[in-house]
């Protein structure tokens, strides 16, 4: 019996409107407007949600002493339905402000993916899990 599930992944963002808008443009995730605030935006990814917290949230959550945002701190993995979707979405992401780190390739574990940085430097992959 499963007792827990992932509901949200929240990203600390310098500009919650711009960064959430980036993920909306690239992946078509709709905003969850009912939870919008001046320091938060949430997107419905279909299976869980992706949240964007303004840097003010460090203080609100009593995390101010841990607010060093340098370096890669997490990796978002966004799954799509086909290799063609990966190939189609990579240039969309780059045009929307992403930086391409590794163009689409087949991994040793048989996923087709590309590695990118979003406009604020957060790493994400666009994945297709091949059979």
Protein backbone atom coordinates (compact mmCIF):
# COMPACT_ATOMS: atom_id res chain seq x y z
CA UNK A 1 0.00 0.00 0.00
CA UNK A 2 1.44 3.36 -1.04
CA UNK A 3 1.22 5.97 1.71
CA UNK A 4 2.94 8.89 0.00
CA UNK A 5 3.16 10.51 -3.42
CA UNK A 6 4.99 13.44 -4.90
CA UNK A 7 2.64 16.40 -5.11
CA UNK A 8 4.97 19.31 -5.97
CA UNK A 9 8.49 20.08 -6.93
CA UNK A 10 9.14 23.72 -6.07
CA UNK A 11 11.90 25.80 -7.63
CA UNK A 12 13.24 28.95 -6.02
CA UNK A 13 13.21 31.61 -8.73
CA UNK A 14 14.40 35.17 -9.09
CA UNK A 15 11.36 35.88 -11.26
CA UNK A 16 8.46 33.47 -10.64
CA UNK A 17 6.34 34.94 -13.44
CA UNK A 18 9.07 34.69 -16.10
CA UNK A 19 10.32 31.25 -15.06
CA UNK A 20 6.88 29.68 -14.73
CA UNK A 21 6.02 31.28 -18.08
CA UNK A 22 9.06 29.59 -19.64
CA UNK A 23 7.82 26.13 -18.57
CA UNK A 24 4.29 27.01 -19.73
CA UNK A 25 5.56 28.02 -23.20
CA UNK A 26 7.84 25.03 -23.69
CA UNK A 27 5.66 22.25 -22.23
CA UNK A 28 2.14 23.70 -22.26
CA UNK A 29 1.66 23.23 -18.51
CA UNK A 30 -1.39 25.25 -17.41
CA UNK A 31 -1.14 27.54 -14.40
CA UNK A 32 -3.04 26.58 -11.25
CA UNK A 33 -4.47 30.06 -10.82
CA UNK A 34 -6.24 29.27 -7.53
CA UNK A 35 -2.87 29.10 -5.72
CA UNK A 36 -1.23 32.12 -7.39
CA UNK A 37 0.32 34.69 -5.06
CA UNK A 38 2.80 37.54 -5.43
CA UNK A 39 5.62 35.12 -4.49
CA UNK A 40 4.35 31.84 -5.99
CA UNK A 41 3.14 30.30 -9.24
CA UNK A 42 2.10 26.68 -9.70
CA UNK A 43 1.80 24.65 -12.89
CA UNK A 44 -0.17 21.45 -13.42
CA UNK A 45 2.13 18.87 -15.03
CA UNK A 46 -0.57 16.21 -15.23
CA UNK A 47 0.83 13.82 -12.61
CA UNK A 48 2.14 16.29 -10.06
CA UNK A 49 2.73 20.02 -9.96
CA UNK A 50 5.67 22.31 -10.51
CA UNK A 51 5.87 25.32 -8.23
CA UNK A 52 7.96 28.47 -8.42
CA UNK A 53 8.77 30.29 -5.19
CA UNK A 54 10.18 33.81 -5.10
CA UNK A 55 13.38 34.21 -3.14
CA UNK A 56 11.25 35.80 -0.36
CA UNK A 57 10.16 32.24 0.44
CA UNK A 58 13.59 31.46 1.94
CA UNK A 59 12.73 33.76 4.85
CA UNK A 60 9.12 32.59 5.03
CA UNK A 61 10.27 28.96 5.29
CA UNK A 62 13.09 29.80 7.77
CA UNK A 63 15.69 28.80 5.16
CA UNK A 64 17.53 32.12 4.87
CA UNK A 65 20.82 30.66 6.10
CA UNK A 66 20.59 27.98 3.38
CA UNK A 67 19.85 30.34 0.50
CA UNK A 68 23.12 29.84 -1.40
CA UNK A 69 21.81 29.22 -4.90
CA UNK A 70 25.14 28.72 -6.66
CA UNK A 71 25.71 25.48 -8.52
CA UNK A 72 23.37 22.74 -9.68
CA UNK A 73 21.05 21.79 -6.82
CA UNK A 74 18.48 19.60 -8.59
CA UNK A 75 17.56 18.11 -11.96
CA UNK A 76 14.04 18.35 -13.37
CA UNK A 77 13.07 15.47 -15.66
CA UNK A 78 10.14 16.10 -17.95
CA UNK A 79 8.88 13.09 -19.89
CA UNK A 80 7.29 13.35 -23.33
CA UNK A 81 5.52 10.83 -25.54
CA UNK A 82 8.06 10.25 -28.33
CA UNK A 83 11.56 10.87 -29.65
CA UNK A 84 9.98 13.31 -32.09
CA UNK A 85 8.61 15.29 -29.12
CA UNK A 86 12.12 15.58 -27.67
CA UNK A 87 13.46 16.76 -31.03
CA UNK A 88 10.59 19.24 -31.42
CA UNK A 89 10.74 20.68 -27.88
CA UNK A 90 14.49 21.27 -27.64
CA UNK A 91 14.52 24.14 -30.17
CA UNK A 92 11.32 25.53 -28.61
CA UNK A 93 13.09 25.60 -25.23
CA UNK A 94 16.19 27.24 -26.70
CA UNK A 95 14.08 29.86 -28.48
CA UNK A 96 12.29 30.54 -25.15
CA UNK A 97 15.63 31.21 -23.41
CA UNK A 98 17.08 27.80 -22.48
CA UNK A 99 20.73 26.89 -22.98
CA UNK A 100 21.39 23.57 -24.70
CA UNK A 101 23.95 21.56 -22.71
CA UNK A 102 23.66 18.18 -24.47
CA UNK A 103 21.65 17.66 -27.67
CA UNK A 104 19.25 14.69 -27.90
CA UNK A 105 20.97 11.32 -27.50
CA UNK A 106 20.23 7.74 -26.41
CA UNK A 107 21.44 6.99 -22.87
CA UNK A 108 22.98 3.72 -21.72
CA UNK A 109 19.64 2.99 -19.98
CA UNK A 110 17.78 3.44 -23.29
CA UNK A 111 16.15 6.84 -22.81
CA UNK A 112 16.22 9.47 -25.52
CA UNK A 113 16.92 12.81 -23.88
CA UNK A 114 18.44 16.25 -24.04
CA UNK A 115 20.00 18.28 -21.21
CA UNK A 116 19.32 22.02 -20.95
CA UNK A 117 19.47 24.95 -18.54
CA UNK A 118 16.36 27.10 -18.06
CA UNK A 119 16.67 30.91 -18.19
CA UNK A 120 17.70 31.03 -14.51
CA UNK A 121 20.35 28.31 -14.91
CA UNK A 122 18.40 25.35 -13.49
CA UNK A 123 19.17 22.06 -15.23
CA UNK A 124 16.37 20.05 -16.81
CA UNK A 125 16.08 17.12 -19.19
CA UNK A 126 13.45 16.40 -21.80
CA UNK A 127 13.06 12.60 -21.82
CA UNK A 128 11.43 9.84 -23.81
CA UNK A 129 11.67 6.40 -22.19
CA UNK A 130 12.21 3.99 -25.07
CA UNK A 131 11.15 0.35 -24.80
